[in-house]
Each structure stands twice: as structure tokens, then as C-alpha cells.
């Protein structure tokens, strides 16, 4: 029991900086997407998917709409909308890595 508890604590300590980086990255993405498209009021949530739990790689999940929603489907079919969303994601990724580089400079 004790070794399992210690292992869980060590995993949590290892994942904490990555989770924090994921939150920063998600904020960057939301900020950029907000300029391009309508977002849900509660647009930043957490999920327990295994792919989002890497101990050393910040990760986010982006939902761009629901195919069961007629308005979302119409937007997702528009090349201009997809281009705007893609450009917003590129800006967010670039901002995230620029901030990371700035923090790592001596």
C-alpha cells in the first residue's frame, strides 16, 4: 500500500508542471479561437482521456463543433472557416512555444 501511495505522489509531482503547461496552452488556443469563431461560455474543461495524461508532453483536446448540430456542420464545411480556425491554432502554437523559449532563456 505504501509503495503505491508513493508512486501516485511521484506521478502527480511529475505530471503537475505538464498539466500547468497544458492549461497555459489551452488558454492560448481559446484566446486565438475566440477571435475567429463563437465559443461556448465554459470553453475550457478537463477530461481524463489517456492521451491527455502524458507526464512530459503538454496536451489539449479541441472540439470544433458537433456534426449533429446543423450550424456547426455548416461552418465545418466552409473552407474559409476551416482556414481561419487553422490559422488561429497556428498562432496559439507559436505563442506557446515563444513563451516557453522566453522562460528558458538565461
PDB file of N, CA and C in Angstrom:
ATOM      1  N   UNK A   1       0.818  -1.200   0.000  1.00  0.00           N
ATOM      2  CA  UNK A   1       0.000   0.000   0.000  1.00  0.00           C
ATOM      3  C   UNK A   1       0.857   1.257   0.000  1.00  0.00           C
ATOM      4  N   UNK A   2       1.878   1.263   0.819  1.00  0.00           N
ATOM      5  CA  UNK A   2       2.699   2.471   0.936  1.00  0.00           C
ATOM      6  C   UNK A   2       3.436   2.758  -0.372  1.00  0.00           C
ATOM      7  N   UNK A   3       3.953   1.728  -1.035  1.00  0.00           N
ATOM      8  CA  UNK A   3       4.682   1.960  -2.277  1.00  0.00           C
ATOM      9  C   UNK A   3       3.739   2.469  -3.369  1.00  0.00           C
ATOM     10  N   UNK A   4       2.476   2.012  -3.386  1.00  0.00           N
ATOM     11  CA  UNK A   4       1.506   2.527  -4.349  1.00  0.00           C
ATOM     12  C   UNK A   4       1.202   3.992  -4.084  1.00  0.00           C
ATOM     13  N   UNK A   5       1.107   4.359  -2.819  1.00  0.00           N
ATOM     14  CA  UNK A   5       0.858   5.748  -2.454  1.00  0.00           C
ATOM     15  C   UNK A   5       2.028   6.622  -2.874  1.00  0.00           C
ATOM     16  N   UNK A   6       3.231   6.166  -2.611  1.00  0.00           N
ATOM     17  CA  UNK A   6       4.429   6.909  -3.000  1.00  0.00           C
ATOM     18  C   UNK A   6       4.499   7.038  -4.522  1.00  0.00           C
ATOM     19  N   UNK A   7       4.176   5.971  -5.232  1.00  0.00           N
ATOM     20  CA  UNK A   7       4.189   6.008  -6.705  1.00  0.00           C
ATOM     21  C   UNK A   7       3.182   7.019  -7.229  1.00  0.00           C
ATOM     22  N   UNK A   8       1.986   7.052  -6.651  1.00  0.00           N
ATOM     23  CA  UNK A   8       0.971   8.020  -7.077  1.00  0.00           C
ATOM     24  C   UNK A   8       1.430   9.451  -6.829  1.00  0.00           C
ATOM     25  N   UNK A   9       2.076   9.667  -5.699  1.00  0.00           N
ATOM     26  CA  UNK A   9       2.588  11.007  -5.373  1.00  0.00           C
ATOM     27  C   UNK A   9       3.668  11.406  -6.365  1.00  0.00           C
ATOM     28  N   UNK A  10       4.565  10.499  -6.673  1.00  0.00           N
ATOM     29  CA  UNK A  10       5.645  10.805  -7.626  1.00  0.00           C
ATOM     30  C   UNK A  10       5.101  11.082  -9.027  1.00  0.00           C
ATOM     31  N   UNK A  11       4.109  10.310  -9.444  1.00  0.00           N
ATOM     32  CA  UNK A  11       3.491  10.546 -10.753  1.00  0.00           C
ATOM     33  C   UNK A  11       2.820  11.918 -10.769  1.00  0.00           C
ATOM     34  N   UNK A  12       2.111  12.229  -9.691  1.00  0.00           N
ATOM     35  CA  UNK A  12       1.449  13.534  -9.606  1.00  0.00           C
ATOM     36  C   UNK A  12       2.466  14.669  -9.668  1.00  0.00           C
ATOM     37  N   UNK A  13       3.562  14.521  -8.953  1.00  0.00           N
ATOM     38  CA  UNK A  13       4.603  15.559  -8.974  1.00  0.00           C
ATOM     39  C   UNK A  13       5.209  15.715 -10.364  1.00  0.00           C
ATOM     40  N   UNK A  14       5.345  14.608 -11.073  1.00  0.00           N
ATOM     41  CA  UNK A  14       5.910  14.643 -12.438  1.00  0.00           C
ATOM     42  C   UNK A  14       4.924  15.261 -13.427  1.00  0.00           C
ATOM     43  N   UNK A  15       3.630  14.996 -13.236  1.00  0.00           N
ATOM     44  CA  UNK A  15       2.622  15.493 -14.161  1.00  0.00           C
ATOM     45  C   UNK A  15       2.219  16.941 -13.904  1.00  0.00           C
ATOM     46  N   UNK A  16       2.422  17.434 -12.717  1.00  0.00           N
ATOM     47  CA  UNK A  16       1.951  18.780 -12.371  1.00  0.00           C
ATOM     48  C   UNK A  16       2.485  19.866 -13.296  1.00  0.00           C
ATOM     49  N   UNK A  17       3.799  19.965 -13.563  1.00  0.00           N
ATOM     50  CA  UNK A  17       4.273  21.006 -14.491  1.00  0.00           C
ATOM     51  C   UNK A  17       3.694  20.846 -15.899  1.00  0.00           C
ATOM     52  N   UNK A  18       3.506  19.609 -16.324  1.00  0.00           N
ATOM     53  CA  UNK A  18       2.926  19.352 -17.641  1.00  0.00           C
ATOM     54  C   UNK A  18       1.467  19.803 -17.676  1.00  0.00           C
ATOM     55  N   UNK A  19       0.716  19.521 -16.623  1.00  0.00           N
ATOM     56  CA  UNK A  19      -0.674  19.968 -16.547  1.00  0.00           C
ATOM     57  C   UNK A  19      -0.742  21.492 -16.574  1.00  0.00           C
ATOM     58  N   UNK A  20       0.155  22.137 -15.841  1.00  0.00           N
ATOM     59  CA  UNK A  20       0.181  23.605 -15.838  1.00  0.00           C
ATOM     60  C   UNK A  20       0.487  24.153 -17.230  1.00  0.00           C
ATOM     61  N   UNK A  21       1.426  23.530 -17.933  1.00  0.00           N
ATOM     62  CA  UNK A  21       1.753  23.952 -19.291  1.00  0.00           C
ATOM     63  C   UNK A  21       0.557  23.725 -20.219  1.00  0.00           C
ATOM     64  N   UNK A  22      -0.170  22.644 -20.009  1.00  0.00           N
ATOM     65  CA  UNK A  22      -1.360  22.372 -20.817  1.00  0.00           C
ATOM     66  C   UNK A  22      -2.427  23.448 -20.610  1.00  0.00           C
ATOM     67  N   UNK A  23      -2.571  23.911 -19.380  1.00  0.00           N
ATOM     68  CA  UNK A  23      -3.540  24.975 -19.091  1.00  0.00           C
ATOM     69  C   UNK A  23      -3.141  26.261 -19.809  1.00  0.00           C
ATOM     70  N   UNK A  24      -1.859  26.599 -19.775  1.00  0.00           N
ATOM     71  CA  UNK A  24      -1.377  27.797 -20.482  1.00  0.00           C
ATOM     72  C   UNK A  24      -1.623  27.655 -21.980  1.00  0.00           C
ATOM     73  N   UNK A  25      -1.307  26.498 -22.521  1.00  0.00           N
ATOM     74  CA  UNK A  25      -1.510  26.248 -23.942  1.00  0.00           C
ATOM     75  C   UNK A  25      -2.996  26.349 -24.299  1.00  0.00           C
ATOM     76  N   UNK A  26      -3.852  25.753 -23.476  1.00  0.00           N
ATOM     77  CA  UNK A  26      -5.294  25.812 -23.728  1.00  0.00           C
ATOM     78  C   UNK A  26      -5.787  27.256 -23.717  1.00  0.00           C
ATOM     79  N   UNK A  27      -5.277  28.074 -22.789  1.00  0.00           N
ATOM     80  CA  UNK A  27      -5.659  29.495 -22.762  1.00  0.00           C
ATOM     81  C   UNK A  27      -5.252  30.204 -24.040  1.00  0.00           C
ATOM     82  N   UNK A  28      -4.045  29.903 -24.524  1.00  0.00           N
ATOM     83  CA  UNK A  28      -3.587  30.497 -25.786  1.00  0.00           C
ATOM     84  C   UNK A  28      -4.525  30.110 -26.930  1.00  0.00           C
ATOM     85  N   UNK A  29      -4.912  28.847 -26.976  1.00  0.00           N
ATOM     86  CA  UNK A  29      -5.795  28.372 -28.039  1.00  0.00           C
ATOM     87  C   UNK A  29      -7.162  29.056 -27.936  1.00  0.00           C
ATOM     88  N   UNK A  30      -7.715  29.111 -26.738  1.00  0.00           N
ATOM     89  CA  UNK A  30      -9.015  29.763 -26.548  1.00  0.00           C
ATOM     90  C   UNK A  30      -8.940  31.229 -26.948  1.00  0.00           C
ATOM     91  N   UNK A  31      -7.880  31.918 -26.542  1.00  0.00           N
ATOM     92  CA  UNK A  31      -7.719  33.337 -26.907  1.00  0.00           C
ATOM     93  C   UNK A  31      -7.707  33.524 -28.418  1.00  0.00           C
ATOM     94  N   UNK A  32      -6.981  32.676 -29.111  1.00  0.00           N
ATOM     95  CA  UNK A  32      -6.893  32.795 -30.566  1.00  0.00           C
ATOM     96  C   UNK A  32      -8.201  32.392 -31.250  1.00  0.00           C
ATOM     97  N   UNK A  33      -8.806  31.306 -30.811  1.00  0.00           N
ATOM     98  CA  UNK A  33     -10.053  30.857 -31.430  1.00  0.00           C
ATOM     99  C   UNK A  33     -11.199  31.833 -31.177  1.00  0.00           C
ATOM    100  N   UNK A  34     -11.158  32.489 -30.020  1.00  0.00           N
ATOM    101  CA  UNK A  34     -12.209  33.454 -29.683  1.00  0.00           C
ATOM    102  C   UNK A  34     -12.265  34.587 -30.713  1.00  0.00           C
ATOM    103  N   UNK A  35     -11.138  34.901 -31.322  1.00  0.00           N
ATOM    104  CA  UNK A  35     -11.084  35.947 -32.341  1.00  0.00           C
ATOM    105  C   UNK A  35     -11.669  35.478 -33.670  1.00  0.00           C
ATOM    106  N   UNK A  36     -11.766  34.177 -33.842  1.00  0.00           N
ATOM    107  CA  UNK A  36     -12.145  33.585 -35.120  1.00  0.00           C
ATOM    108  C   UNK A  36     -13.564  33.051 -35.147  1.00  0.00           C
ATOM    109  N   UNK A  37     -13.990  32.447 -34.056  1.00  0.00           N
ATOM    110  CA  UNK A  37     -15.264  31.726 -34.062  1.00  0.00           C
ATOM    111  C   UNK A  37     -15.969  31.881 -32.717  1.00  0.00           C
ATOM    112  N   UNK A  38     -17.232  31.552 -32.711  1.00  0.00           N
ATOM    113  CA  UNK A  38     -18.020  31.594 -31.485  1.00  0.00           C
ATOM    114  C   UNK A  38     -17.629  30.392 -30.622  1.00  0.00           C
ATOM    115  N   UNK A  39     -17.428  30.640 -29.337  1.00  0.00           N
ATOM    116  CA  UNK A  39     -17.068  29.570 -28.408  1.00  0.00           C
ATOM    117  C   UNK A  39     -18.150  29.413 -27.354  1.00  0.00           C
ATOM    118  N   UNK A  40     -18.181  28.254 -26.756  1.00  0.00           N
ATOM    119  CA  UNK A  40     -19.099  28.021 -25.648  1.00  0.00           C
ATOM    120  C   UNK A  40     -18.684  28.897 -24.464  1.00  0.00           C
ATOM    121  N   UNK A  41     -19.636  29.287 -23.622  1.00  0.00           N
ATOM    122  CA  UNK A  41     -19.275  30.113 -22.454  1.00  0.00           C
ATOM    123  C   UNK A  41     -18.245  29.433 -21.543  1.00  0.00           C
ATOM    124  N   UNK A  42     -18.426  28.155 -21.289  1.00  0.00           N
ATOM    125  CA  UNK A  42     -17.467  27.401 -20.460  1.00  0.00           C
ATOM    126  C   UNK A  42     -16.595  26.599 -21.415  1.00  0.00           C
ATOM    127  N   UNK A  43     -15.606  27.269 -21.994  1.00  0.00           N
ATOM    128  CA  UNK A  43     -14.863  26.674 -23.098  1.00  0.00           C
ATOM    129  C   UNK A  43     -13.606  25.919 -22.696  1.00  0.00           C
ATOM    130  N   UNK A  44     -13.215  25.991 -21.459  1.00  0.00           N
ATOM    131  CA  UNK A  44     -12.017  25.263 -21.026  1.00  0.00           C
ATOM    132  C   UNK A  44     -12.428  24.266 -19.948  1.00  0.00           C
ATOM    133  N   UNK A  45     -12.345  22.993 -20.302  1.00  0.00           N
ATOM    134  CA  UNK A  45     -12.724  21.926 -19.375  1.00  0.00           C
ATOM    135  C   UNK A  45     -11.607  20.902 -19.314  1.00  0.00           C
ATOM    136  N   UNK A  46     -11.711  19.993 -18.389  1.00  0.00           N
ATOM    137  CA  UNK A  46     -10.711  18.948 -18.225  1.00  0.00           C
ATOM    138  C   UNK A  46     -11.339  17.594 -18.516  1.00  0.00           C
ATOM    139  N   UNK A  47     -10.548  16.685 -19.062  1.00  0.00           N
ATOM    140  CA  UNK A  47     -11.036  15.334 -19.364  1.00  0.00           C
ATOM    141  C   UNK A  47      -9.971  14.321 -18.949  1.00  0.00           C
ATOM    142  N   UNK A  48     -10.413  13.133 -18.634  1.00  0.00           N
ATOM    143  CA  UNK A  48      -9.497  12.102 -18.160  1.00  0.00           C
ATOM    144  C   UNK A  48      -9.004  11.163 -19.244  1.00  0.00           C
ATOM    145  N   UNK A  49      -8.964  11.619 -20.492  1.00  0.00           N
ATOM    146  CA  UNK A  49      -8.502  10.754 -21.577  1.00  0.00           C
ATOM    147  C   UNK A  49      -7.020  10.423 -21.398  1.00  0.00           C
ATOM    148  N   UNK A  50      -6.665   9.200 -21.685  1.00  0.00           N
ATOM    149  CA  UNK A  50      -5.281   8.761 -21.523  1.00  0.00           C
ATOM    150  C   UNK A  50      -4.308   9.609 -22.344  1.00  0.00           C
ATOM    151  N   UNK A  51      -4.709  10.015 -23.537  1.00  0.00           N
ATOM    152  CA  UNK A  51      -3.809  10.812 -24.383  1.00  0.00           C
ATOM    153  C   UNK A  51      -3.539  12.196 -23.804  1.00  0.00           C
ATOM    154  N   UNK A  52      -4.334  12.620 -22.826  1.00  0.00           N
ATOM    155  CA  UNK A  52      -4.130  13.921 -22.190  1.00  0.00           C
ATOM    156  C   UNK A  52      -3.337  13.811 -20.895  1.00  0.00           C
ATOM    157  N   UNK A  53      -2.848  12.633 -20.581  1.00  0.00           N
ATOM    158  CA  UNK A  53      -2.191  12.405 -19.295  1.00  0.00           C
ATOM    159  C   UNK A  53      -0.702  12.109 -19.407  1.00  0.00           C
ATOM    160  N   UNK A  54      -0.092  12.433 -20.519  1.00  0.00           N
ATOM    161  CA  UNK A  54       1.348  12.190 -20.657  1.00  0.00           C
ATOM    162  C   UNK A  54       2.085  12.985 -19.576  1.00  0.00           C
ATOM    163  N   UNK A  55       3.049  12.375 -18.914  1.00  0.00           N
ATOM    164  CA  UNK A  55       3.730  13.077 -17.823  1.00  0.00           C
ATOM    165  C   UNK A  55       4.661  14.188 -18.290  1.00  0.00           C
ATOM    166  N   UNK A  56       5.048  14.183 -19.571  1.00  0.00           N
ATOM    167  CA  UNK A  56       6.058  15.143 -20.002  1.00  0.00           C
ATOM    168  C   UNK A  56       5.701  15.930 -21.263  1.00  0.00           C
ATOM    169  N   UNK A  57       4.486  15.747 -21.790  1.00  0.00           N
ATOM    170  CA  UNK A  57       4.087  16.447 -23.009  1.00  0.00           C
ATOM    171  C   UNK A  57       2.781  17.187 -22.758  1.00  0.00           C
ATOM    172  N   UNK A  58       2.806  18.524 -22.779  1.00  0.00           N
ATOM    173  CA  UNK A  58       1.550  19.260 -22.624  1.00  0.00           C
ATOM    174  C   UNK A  58       0.588  18.880 -23.751  1.00  0.00           C
ATOM    175  N   UNK A  59      -0.675  18.721 -23.415  1.00  0.00           N
ATOM    176  CA  UNK A  59      -1.640  18.313 -24.427  1.00  0.00           C
ATOM    177  C   UNK A  59      -2.991  18.943 -24.147  1.00  0.00           C
ATOM    178  N   UNK A  60      -3.740  19.146 -25.225  1.00  0.00           N
ATOM    179  CA  UNK A  60      -5.096  19.671 -25.125  1.00  0.00           C
ATOM    180  C   UNK A  60      -5.964  18.926 -26.133  1.00  0.00           C
ATOM    181  N   UNK A  61      -7.255  18.993 -25.931  1.00  0.00           N
ATOM    182  CA  UNK A  61      -8.228  18.426 -26.850  1.00  0.00           C
ATOM    183  C   UNK A  61      -9.081  19.583 -27.350  1.00  0.00           C
ATOM    184  N   UNK A  62      -9.246  19.673 -28.661  1.00  0.00           N
ATOM    185  CA  UNK A  62     -10.006  20.773 -29.248  1.00  0.00           C
ATOM    186  C   UNK A  62     -11.243  20.201 -29.924  1.00  0.00           C
ATOM    187  N   UNK A  63     -12.401  20.668 -29.504  1.00  0.00           N
ATOM    188  CA  UNK A  63     -13.654  20.317 -30.172  1.00  0.00           C
ATOM    189  C   UNK A  63     -14.072  21.515 -30.998  1.00  0.00           C
ATOM    190  N   UNK A  64     -14.196  21.310 -32.282  1.00  0.00           N
ATOM    191  CA  UNK A  64     -14.538  22.415 -33.183  1.00  0.00           C
ATOM    192  C   UNK A  64     -16.022  22.490 -33.489  1.00  0.00           C
ATOM    193  N   UNK A  65     -16.785  21.530 -33.045  1.00  0.00           N
ATOM    194  CA  UNK A  65     -18.218  21.536 -33.282  1.00  0.00           C
ATOM    195  C   UNK A  65     -18.762  20.135 -33.231  1.00  0.00           C
ATOM    196  N   UNK A  66     -20.050  20.058 -33.439  1.00  0.00           N
ATOM    197  CA  UNK A  66     -20.742  18.782 -33.430  1.00  0.00           C
ATOM    198  C   UNK A  66     -21.424  18.588 -34.771  1.00  0.00           C
ATOM    199  N   UNK A  67     -21.189  17.459 -35.385  1.00  0.00           N
ATOM    200  CA  UNK A  67     -21.814  17.187 -36.678  1.00  0.00           C
ATOM    201  C   UNK A  67     -23.330  17.040 -36.545  1.00  0.00           C
ATOM    202  N   UNK A  68     -23.809  16.764 -35.339  1.00  0.00           N
ATOM    203  CA  UNK A  68     -25.253  16.676 -35.121  1.00  0.00           C
ATOM    204  C   UNK A  68     -25.900  18.065 -35.015  1.00  0.00           C
ATOM    205  N   UNK A  69     -25.070  19.109 -34.923  1.00  0.00           N
ATOM    206  CA  UNK A  69     -25.572  20.483 -34.870  1.00  0.00           C
ATOM    207  C   UNK A  69     -25.481  21.073 -36.273  1.00  0.00           C
ATOM    208  N   UNK A  70     -26.611  21.468 -36.814  1.00  0.00           N
ATOM    209  CA  UNK A  70     -26.669  21.946 -38.204  1.00  0.00           C
ATOM    210  C   UNK A  70     -25.754  23.154 -38.417  1.00  0.00           C
ATOM    211  N   UNK A  71     -25.735  24.086 -37.488  1.00  0.00           N
ATOM    212  CA  UNK A  71     -24.890  25.277 -37.626  1.00  0.00           C
ATOM    213  C   UNK A  71     -23.413  24.904 -37.590  1.00  0.00           C
ATOM    214  N   UNK A  72     -23.029  24.054 -36.636  1.00  0.00           N
ATOM    215  CA  UNK A  72     -21.637  23.611 -36.552  1.00  0.00           C
ATOM    216  C   UNK A  72     -21.214  22.886 -37.827  1.00  0.00           C
ATOM    217  N   UNK A  73     -22.075  22.002 -38.307  1.00  0.00           N
ATOM    218  CA  UNK A  73     -21.742  21.258 -39.522  1.00  0.00           C
ATOM    219  C   UNK A  73     -21.547  22.208 -40.701  1.00  0.00           C
ATOM    220  N   UNK A  74     -22.427  23.198 -40.831  1.00  0.00           N
ATOM    221  CA  UNK A  74     -22.322  24.163 -41.930  1.00  0.00           C
ATOM    222  C   UNK A  74     -20.986  24.904 -41.863  1.00  0.00           C
ATOM    223  N   UNK A  75     -20.603  25.339 -40.665  1.00  0.00           N
ATOM    224  CA  UNK A  75     -19.328  26.041 -40.502  1.00  0.00           C
ATOM    225  C   UNK A  75     -18.151  25.138 -40.852  1.00  0.00           C
ATOM    226  N   UNK A  76     -18.192  23.902 -40.369  1.00  0.00           N
ATOM    227  CA  UNK A  76     -17.080  22.981 -40.614  1.00  0.00           C
ATOM    228  C   UNK A  76     -16.928  22.626 -42.092  1.00  0.00           C
ATOM    229  N   UNK A  77     -17.972  22.800 -42.862  1.00  0.00           N
ATOM    230  CA  UNK A  77     -17.907  22.528 -44.304  1.00  0.00           C
ATOM    231  C   UNK A  77     -17.366  23.715 -45.100  1.00  0.00           C
ATOM    232  N   UNK A  78     -17.251  24.873 -44.466  1.00  0.00           N
ATOM    233  CA  UNK A  78     -16.789  26.073 -45.168  1.00  0.00           C
ATOM    234  C   UNK A  78     -15.259  26.147 -45.131  1.00  0.00           C
ATOM    235  N   UNK A  79     -14.606  26.111 -46.307  1.00  0.00           N
ATOM    236  CA  UNK A  79     -13.145  26.190 -46.337  1.00  0.00           C
ATOM    237  C   UNK A  79     -12.606  27.449 -45.641  1.00  0.00           C
ATOM    238  N   UNK A  80     -13.297  28.561 -45.798  1.00  0.00           N
ATOM    239  CA  UNK A  80     -12.820  29.806 -45.160  1.00  0.00           C
ATOM    240  C   UNK A  80     -12.807  29.665 -43.638  1.00  0.00           C
ATOM    241  N   UNK A  81     -13.844  29.074 -43.081  1.00  0.00           N
ATOM    242  CA  UNK A  81     -13.908  28.868 -41.632  1.00  0.00           C
ATOM    243  C   UNK A  81     -12.794  27.930 -41.165  1.00  0.00           C
ATOM    244  N   UNK A  82     -12.602  26.832 -41.898  1.00  0.00           N
ATOM    245  CA  UNK A  82     -11.534  25.891 -41.527  1.00  0.00           C
ATOM    246  C   UNK A  82     -10.170  26.566 -41.593  1.00  0.00           C
ATOM    247  N   UNK A  83      -9.953  27.422 -42.602  1.00  0.00           N
ATOM    248  CA  UNK A  83      -8.684  28.149 -42.724  1.00  0.00           C
ATOM    249  C   UNK A  83      -8.483  29.104 -41.549  1.00  0.00           C
ATOM    250  N   UNK A  84      -9.540  29.788 -41.148  1.00  0.00           N
ATOM    251  CA  UNK A  84      -9.447  30.715 -40.012  1.00  0.00           C
ATOM    252  C   UNK A  84      -9.135  29.966 -38.717  1.00  0.00           C
ATOM    253  N   UNK A  85      -9.780  28.832 -38.527  1.00  0.00           N
ATOM    254  CA  UNK A  85      -9.528  28.020 -37.323  1.00  0.00           C
ATOM    255  C   UNK A  85      -8.089  27.503 -37.339  1.00  0.00           C
ATOM    256  N   UNK A  86      -7.642  27.012 -38.480  1.00  0.00           N
ATOM    257  CA  UNK A  86      -6.272  26.500 -38.591  1.00  0.00           C
ATOM    258  C   UNK A  86      -5.261  27.611 -38.309  1.00  0.00           C
ATOM    259  N   UNK A  87      -5.509  28.802 -38.842  1.00  0.00           N
ATOM    260  CA  UNK A  87      -4.590  29.926 -38.609  1.00  0.00           C
ATOM    261  C   UNK A  87      -4.573  30.300 -37.123  1.00  0.00           C
ATOM    262  N   UNK A  88      -5.722  30.257 -36.474  1.00  0.00           N
ATOM    263  CA  UNK A  88      -5.779  30.552 -35.035  1.00  0.00           C
ATOM    264  C   UNK A  88      -4.992  29.516 -34.242  1.00  0.00           C
ATOM    265  N   UNK A  89      -5.090  28.257 -34.634  1.00  0.00           N
ATOM    266  CA  UNK A  89      -4.332  27.211 -33.948  1.00  0.00           C
ATOM    267  C   UNK A  89      -2.829  27.387 -34.155  1.00  0.00           C
ATOM    268  N   UNK A  90      -2.424  27.756 -35.348  1.00  0.00           N
ATOM    269  CA  UNK A  90      -1.001  28.013 -35.616  1.00  0.00           C
ATOM    270  C   UNK A  90      -0.508  29.163 -34.743  1.00  0.00           C
ATOM    271  N   UNK A  91      -1.282  30.244 -34.650  1.00  0.00           N
ATOM    272  CA  UNK A  91      -0.883  31.374 -33.804  1.00  0.00           C
ATOM    273  C   UNK A  91      -0.746  30.944 -32.343  1.00  0.00           C
ATOM    274  N   UNK A  92      -1.672  30.117 -31.875  1.00  0.00           N
ATOM    275  CA  UNK A  92      -1.622  29.651 -30.488  1.00  0.00           C
ATOM    276  C   UNK A  92      -0.396  28.775 -30.230  1.00  0.00           C
ATOM    277  N   UNK A  93      -0.102  27.876 -31.155  1.00  0.00           N
ATOM    278  CA  UNK A  93       1.080  27.019 -31.009  1.00  0.00           C
ATOM    279  C   UNK A  93       2.341  27.868 -31.009  1.00  0.00           C
ATOM    280  N   UNK A  94       2.427  28.816 -31.931  1.00  0.00           N
ATOM    281  CA  UNK A  94       3.604  29.694 -31.986  1.00  0.00           C
ATOM    282  C   UNK A  94       3.744  30.510 -30.706  1.00  0.00           C
ATOM    283  N   UNK A  95       2.634  31.025 -30.184  1.00  0.00           N
ATOM    284  CA  UNK A  95       2.683  31.807 -28.940  1.00  0.00           C
ATOM    285  C   UNK A  95       3.139  30.939 -27.775  1.00  0.00           C
ATOM    286  N   UNK A  96       2.636  29.709 -27.715  1.00  0.00           N
ATOM    287  CA  UNK A  96       3.016  28.811 -26.633  1.00  0.00           C
ATOM    288  C   UNK A  96       4.519  28.548 -26.638  1.00  0.00           C
ATOM    289  N   UNK A  97       5.068  28.223 -27.825  1.00  0.00           N
ATOM    290  CA  UNK A  97       6.497  27.922 -27.892  1.00  0.00           C
ATOM    291  C   UNK A  97       7.355  29.174 -27.712  1.00  0.00           C
ATOM    292  N   UNK A  98       6.873  30.319 -28.143  1.00  0.00           N
ATOM    293  CA  UNK A  98       7.611  31.569 -27.915  1.00  0.00           C
ATOM    294  C   UNK A  98       7.695  31.868 -26.424  1.00  0.00           C
ATOM    295  N   UNK A  99       6.593  31.663 -25.700  1.00  0.00           N
ATOM    296  CA  UNK A  99       6.608  31.870 -24.247  1.00  0.00           C
ATOM    297  C   UNK A  99       7.548  30.884 -23.566  1.00  0.00           C
ATOM    298  N   UNK A 100       7.522  29.644 -24.032  1.00  0.00           N
ATOM    299  CA  UNK A 100       8.388  28.613 -23.454  1.00  0.00           C
ATOM    300  C   UNK A 100       9.860  28.968 -23.687  1.00  0.00           C
ATOM    301  N   UNK A 101      10.188  29.401 -24.892  1.00  0.00           N
ATOM    302  CA  UNK A 101      11.564  29.812 -25.190  1.00  0.00           C
ATOM    303  C   UNK A 101      11.983  30.980 -24.322  1.00  0.00           C
ATOM    304  N   UNK A 102      11.096  31.959 -24.161  1.00  0.00           N
ATOM    305  CA  UNK A 102      11.417  33.141 -23.352  1.00  0.00           C
ATOM    306  C   UNK A 102      11.704  32.746 -21.904  1.00  0.00           C
ATOM    307  N   UNK A 103      10.943  31.785 -21.373  1.00  0.00           N
ATOM    308  CA  UNK A 103      11.174  31.340 -19.990  1.00  0.00           C
ATOM    309  C   UNK A 103      12.490  30.597 -19.845  1.00  0.00           C
ATOM    310  N   UNK A 104      12.940  29.933 -20.906  1.00  0.00           N
ATOM    311  CA  UNK A 104      14.165  29.125 -20.836  1.00  0.00           C
ATOM    312  C   UNK A 104      15.434  29.914 -21.124  1.00  0.00           C
ATOM    313  N   UNK A 105      15.301  31.174 -21.542  1.00  0.00           N
ATOM    314  CA  UNK A 105      16.498  31.987 -21.814  1.00  0.00           C
ATOM    315  C   UNK A 105      17.158  32.404 -20.511  1.00  0.00           C
ATOM    316  N   UNK A 106      18.481  32.442 -20.510  1.00  0.00           N
ATOM    317  CA  UNK A 106      19.174  32.877 -19.284  1.00  0.00           C
ATOM    318  C   UNK A 106      19.015  34.355 -19.008  1.00  0.00           C
TER     319      UNK A 106
END
